[in-house]
């Protein structure tokens, strides 16, 4: 999972200006002005949590089950391969970033 986590983290950090990866006690937080994404690393998957407000849940975009992040991390995507971080996932991360880092 380490190589998958590294790949996903690099994509998030390089795509969103001012983003920092901050290790927390039970999860990893991606913040710019505020936290917009969080990751729980599990033995066989990475749970990428996002702040998407009232966005509808789907099979891929599930209700968040992450341990630790703020309650506003409402949705999660389960990733088991770095190639799953595609343009659709990046667009959802962008939505979360825009939502939490409004000026």
Protein backbone atom coordinates (compact mmCIF):
# COMPACT_ATOMS: atom_id res chain seq x y z
CA UNK A 1 0.00 0.00 0.00
CA UNK A 2 2.96 2.34 0.56
CA UNK A 3 3.71 2.76 -3.14
CA UNK A 4 0.03 3.39 -3.92
CA UNK A 5 -0.20 5.91 -1.07
CA UNK A 6 2.96 7.68 -2.27
CA UNK A 7 1.62 7.90 -5.82
CA UNK A 8 -1.79 9.26 -4.77
CA UNK A 9 -0.23 11.73 -2.32
CA UNK A 10 2.13 13.07 -4.97
CA UNK A 11 -0.76 13.57 -7.40
CA UNK A 12 -2.80 15.49 -4.81
CA UNK A 13 0.09 17.65 -3.59
CA UNK A 14 1.28 18.52 -7.10
CA UNK A 15 -2.23 19.28 -8.38
CA UNK A 16 -3.37 21.72 -5.70
CA UNK A 17 -1.20 24.72 -4.93
CA UNK A 18 -0.30 25.21 -1.28
CA UNK A 19 -1.28 21.70 -0.23
CA UNK A 20 0.51 20.10 2.69
CA UNK A 21 0.40 16.50 3.87
CA UNK A 22 0.06 16.43 7.64
CA UNK A 23 0.28 13.10 9.49
CA UNK A 24 -2.31 12.87 12.27
CA UNK A 25 -2.76 10.22 14.94
CA UNK A 26 -5.15 7.98 12.94
CA UNK A 27 -5.03 9.38 9.40
CA UNK A 28 -3.15 11.57 6.91
CA UNK A 29 -4.55 15.01 6.21
CA UNK A 30 -4.26 17.10 3.04
CA UNK A 31 -4.72 20.79 3.79
CA UNK A 32 -4.34 24.08 2.00
CA UNK A 33 -6.26 26.65 4.03
CA UNK A 34 -8.44 23.90 5.53
CA UNK A 35 -8.49 20.11 5.31
CA UNK A 36 -10.02 19.01 2.01
CA UNK A 37 -8.91 15.37 1.83
CA UNK A 38 -7.86 12.64 4.24
CA UNK A 39 -6.50 9.14 3.86
CA UNK A 40 -6.79 6.01 6.01
CA UNK A 41 -4.38 3.30 4.86
CA UNK A 42 -5.79 -0.17 5.39
CA UNK A 43 -4.03 -3.49 4.69
CA UNK A 44 -5.68 -3.95 1.27
CA UNK A 45 -7.04 -0.51 0.40
CA UNK A 46 -6.67 3.22 0.73
CA UNK A 47 -9.71 5.18 1.81
CA UNK A 48 -9.61 8.66 0.34
CA UNK A 49 -11.99 10.94 2.22
CA UNK A 50 -13.36 14.15 0.71
CA UNK A 51 -15.54 17.08 1.79
CA UNK A 52 -18.33 16.96 -0.78
CA UNK A 53 -21.26 18.17 1.32
CA UNK A 54 -24.57 16.91 -0.01
CA UNK A 55 -23.19 15.21 -3.14
CA UNK A 56 -25.13 11.99 -3.78
CA UNK A 57 -23.55 8.72 -2.68
CA UNK A 58 -22.85 6.09 -5.34
CA UNK A 59 -21.22 2.68 -5.45
CA UNK A 60 -17.82 4.35 -5.98
CA UNK A 61 -18.44 7.50 -3.90
CA UNK A 62 -19.48 6.13 -0.54
CA UNK A 63 -20.37 7.60 2.84
CA UNK A 64 -17.12 8.22 4.71
CA UNK A 65 -15.95 5.57 7.16
CA UNK A 66 -12.58 7.19 7.82
CA UNK A 67 -11.29 7.16 11.37
CA UNK A 68 -10.18 10.52 12.71
CA UNK A 69 -10.89 13.35 10.26
CA UNK A 70 -13.29 16.19 10.86
CA UNK A 71 -17.00 15.42 10.35
CA UNK A 72 -17.03 17.50 7.17
CA UNK A 73 -15.12 14.70 5.41
CA UNK A 74 -18.41 13.27 4.19
CA UNK A 75 -17.51 10.94 1.32
CA UNK A 76 -14.83 8.38 0.54
CA UNK A 77 -13.43 6.54 -2.44
CA UNK A 78 -11.75 3.18 -1.96
CA UNK A 79 -8.56 2.75 -3.99
CA UNK A 80 -6.51 -0.42 -4.29
CA UNK A 81 -4.33 0.62 -7.25
CA UNK A 82 -2.76 3.98 -8.09
CA UNK A 83 -4.28 3.88 -11.60
CA UNK A 84 -7.73 4.22 -9.96
CA UNK A 85 -6.78 7.85 -9.22
CA UNK A 86 -8.08 8.92 -12.62
CA UNK A 87 -9.55 12.15 -14.00
CA UNK A 88 -12.92 11.43 -12.34
CA UNK A 89 -11.33 11.05 -8.90
CA UNK A 90 -9.15 14.10 -9.47
CA UNK A 91 -12.28 16.09 -10.35
CA UNK A 92 -13.90 15.02 -7.05
CA UNK A 93 -10.76 16.06 -5.15
CA UNK A 94 -10.95 19.40 -7.00
CA UNK A 95 -14.57 19.83 -5.86
CA UNK A 96 -13.55 19.16 -2.27
CA UNK A 97 -10.59 21.56 -2.55
CA UNK A 98 -12.80 24.31 -4.00
CA UNK A 99 -15.47 23.74 -1.36
CA UNK A 100 -13.13 23.98 1.63
CA UNK A 101 -10.75 26.65 0.35
CA UNK A 102 -13.15 29.33 -0.85
CA UNK A 103 -11.85 32.87 -0.46
